Amino acid sequence: MSSETQTDGGPAFPTNPMAEAMRGLDDDSVHSGLSKREWFAGMALQGLCANPASADRLKGDIELLAFKIADAMLSHEPTQEPQPNG
């Protein structure tokens, strides 16, 4: 596991390298897009901005809080798939 994967959670929407190769795309033309950290921060920012009171109160620090929330989510991400109850 690379250090990049450990810090940002890896790609939010990973692609299948074999499928990309079959479509004629090489490694230089395939982009992994957002990392999980960036995706989680965007979702946290959306939630924070949905409440005008928190958006006004936080002003310039709102993006920092969004990334703190994303980092907390990544640190608590389960390593295994949850087992169904019953």
C-alpha atoms as a PDB file:
ATOM      1  CA  MET A   1       0.000   0.000   0.000  1.00  0.00           C
ATOM      2  CA  SER A   2       1.477   3.341  -0.992  1.00  0.00           C
ATOM      3  CA  SER A   3       1.697   6.303   1.383  1.00  0.00           C
ATOM      4  CA  GLU A   4      -0.725   8.198  -0.889  1.00  0.00           C
ATOM      5  CA  THR A   5      -3.385   5.547  -0.345  1.00  0.00           C
ATOM      6  CA  GLN A   6      -2.835   5.671   3.412  1.00  0.00           C
ATOM      7  CA  THR A   7      -3.278   9.445   3.615  1.00  0.00           C
ATOM      8  CA  ASP A   8      -6.138  10.068   1.212  1.00  0.00           C
ATOM      9  CA  GLY A   9      -7.998   6.766   1.225  1.00  0.00           C
ATOM     10  CA  GLY A  10      -7.304   5.993  -2.424  1.00  0.00           C
ATOM     11  CA  PRO A  11      -9.604   6.814  -5.323  1.00  0.00           C
ATOM     12  CA  ALA A  12     -13.258   7.486  -4.521  1.00  0.00           C
ATOM     13  CA  PHE A  13     -14.339   5.916  -7.818  1.00  0.00           C
ATOM     14  CA  PRO A  14     -11.629   3.458  -8.872  1.00  0.00           C
ATOM     15  CA  THR A  15     -11.463   2.215 -12.421  1.00  0.00           C
ATOM     16  CA  ASN A  16     -10.639  -1.236 -13.706  1.00  0.00           C
ATOM     17  CA  PRO A  17      -7.193  -1.016 -15.372  1.00  0.00           C
ATOM     18  CA  MET A  18      -7.932  -3.987 -17.628  1.00  0.00           C
ATOM     19  CA  ALA A  19     -11.168  -2.408 -18.875  1.00  0.00           C
ATOM     20  CA  GLU A  20      -9.355   0.869 -19.511  1.00  0.00           C
ATOM     21  CA  ALA A  21      -6.634  -0.959 -21.468  1.00  0.00           C
ATOM     22  CA  MET A  22      -9.276  -2.720 -23.576  1.00  0.00           C
ATOM     23  CA  ARG A  23     -10.756   0.680 -24.436  1.00  0.00           C
ATOM     24  CA  GLY A  24      -7.313   1.700 -25.691  1.00  0.00           C
ATOM     25  CA  LEU A  25      -6.471   4.037 -22.829  1.00  0.00           C
ATOM     26  CA  ASP A  26      -2.952   4.023 -21.462  1.00  0.00           C
ATOM     27  CA  ASP A  27      -1.897   4.840 -17.899  1.00  0.00           C
ATOM     28  CA  ASP A  28      -1.214   8.473 -18.777  1.00  0.00           C
ATOM     29  CA  SER A  29      -4.769   9.071 -19.984  1.00  0.00           C
ATOM     30  CA  VAL A  30      -6.551   7.375 -17.047  1.00  0.00           C
ATOM     31  CA  HIS A  31      -7.256   9.638 -14.089  1.00  0.00           C
ATOM     32  CA  SER A  32      -8.363   8.327 -10.726  1.00  0.00           C
ATOM     33  CA  GLY A  33     -10.321  11.524 -10.029  1.00  0.00           C
ATOM     34  CA  LEU A  34     -11.147  12.492  -6.467  1.00  0.00           C
ATOM     35  CA  SER A  35      -9.583  10.741  -3.534  1.00  0.00           C
ATOM     36  CA  LYS A  36     -11.835   9.445  -0.769  1.00  0.00           C
ATOM     37  CA  ARG A  37     -10.533  12.276   1.427  1.00  0.00           C
ATOM     38  CA  GLU A  38     -11.547  14.890  -1.142  1.00  0.00           C
ATOM     39  CA  TRP A  39     -14.940  13.230  -1.646  1.00  0.00           C
ATOM     40  CA  PHE A  40     -15.628  13.061   2.112  1.00  0.00           C
ATOM     41  CA  ALA A  41     -14.518  16.685   2.548  1.00  0.00           C
ATOM     42  CA  GLY A  42     -16.862  17.764  -0.240  1.00  0.00           C
ATOM     43  CA  MET A  43     -19.778  15.939   1.365  1.00  0.00           C
ATOM     44  CA  ALA A  44     -18.940  17.441   4.771  1.00  0.00           C
ATOM     45  CA  LEU A  45     -18.685  20.907   3.221  1.00  0.00           C
ATOM     46  CA  GLN A  46     -22.070  20.426   1.575  1.00  0.00           C
ATOM     47  CA  GLY A  47     -23.610  19.542   4.935  1.00  0.00           C
ATOM     48  CA  LEU A  48     -21.947  22.461   6.701  1.00  0.00           C
ATOM     49  CA  CYS A  49     -23.089  24.919   4.030  1.00  0.00           C
ATOM     50  CA  ALA A  50     -26.648  23.567   4.194  1.00  0.00           C
ATOM     51  CA  ASN A  51     -26.912  25.167   7.623  1.00  0.00           C
ATOM     52  CA  PRO A  52     -26.543  28.942   7.172  1.00  0.00           C
ATOM     53  CA  ALA A  53     -25.815  29.405  10.874  1.00  0.00           C
ATOM     54  CA  SER A  54     -22.714  27.203  10.740  1.00  0.00           C
ATOM     55  CA  ALA A  55     -21.584  28.663   7.410  1.00  0.00           C
ATOM     56  CA  ASP A  56     -21.767  32.216   8.800  1.00  0.00           C
ATOM     57  CA  ARG A  57     -20.124  31.249  12.080  1.00  0.00           C
ATOM     58  CA  LEU A  58     -17.208  29.372  10.499  1.00  0.00           C
ATOM     59  CA  LYS A  59     -16.569  31.702   7.533  1.00  0.00           C
ATOM     60  CA  GLY A  60     -12.933  31.162   6.418  1.00  0.00           C
ATOM     61  CA  ASP A  61     -12.387  28.021   8.493  1.00  0.00           C
ATOM     62  CA  ILE A  62     -15.215  25.972   6.999  1.00  0.00           C
ATOM     63  CA  GLU A  63     -12.982  24.172   4.484  1.00  0.00           C
ATOM     64  CA  LEU A  64     -10.528  23.247   7.252  1.00  0.00           C
ATOM     65  CA  LEU A  65     -13.363  21.759   9.283  1.00  0.00           C
ATOM     66  CA  ALA A  66     -14.565  19.832   6.216  1.00  0.00           C
ATOM     67  CA  PHE A  67     -11.138  18.203   5.845  1.00  0.00           C
ATOM     68  CA  LYS A  68     -10.962  17.474   9.591  1.00  0.00           C
ATOM     69  CA  ILE A  69     -14.294  15.668   9.264  1.00  0.00           C
ATOM     70  CA  ALA A  70     -12.993  13.790   6.195  1.00  0.00           C
ATOM     71  CA  ASP A  71      -9.837  12.756   8.067  1.00  0.00           C
ATOM     72  CA  ALA A  72     -11.952  11.532  10.986  1.00  0.00           C
ATOM     73  CA  MET A  73     -14.107   9.506   8.608  1.00  0.00           C
ATOM     74  CA  LEU A  74     -11.042   7.917   7.004  1.00  0.00           C
ATOM     75  CA  SER A  75      -9.549   7.025  10.374  1.00  0.00           C
ATOM     76  CA  HIS A  76     -12.762   5.211  11.342  1.00  0.00           C
ATOM     77  CA  GLU A  77     -13.366   3.513   8.012  1.00  0.00           C
ATOM     78  CA  PRO A  78     -13.999  -0.211   8.552  1.00  0.00           C
ATOM     79  CA  THR A  79     -11.369  -2.572   7.199  1.00  0.00           C
ATOM     80  CA  GLN A  80     -13.914  -5.302   6.535  1.00  0.00           C
ATOM     81  CA  GLU A  81     -17.336  -5.412   4.943  1.00  0.00           C
ATOM     82  CA  PRO A  82     -20.056  -5.379   7.601  1.00  0.00           C
ATOM     83  CA  GLN A  83     -21.689  -8.739   8.164  1.00  0.00           C
ATOM     84  CA  PRO A  84     -25.470  -8.949   7.659  1.00  0.00           C
ATOM     85  CA  ASN A  85     -27.548  -9.382  10.798  1.00  0.00           C
ATOM     86  CA  GLY A  86     -29.558 -12.548  11.114  1.00  0.00           C
END
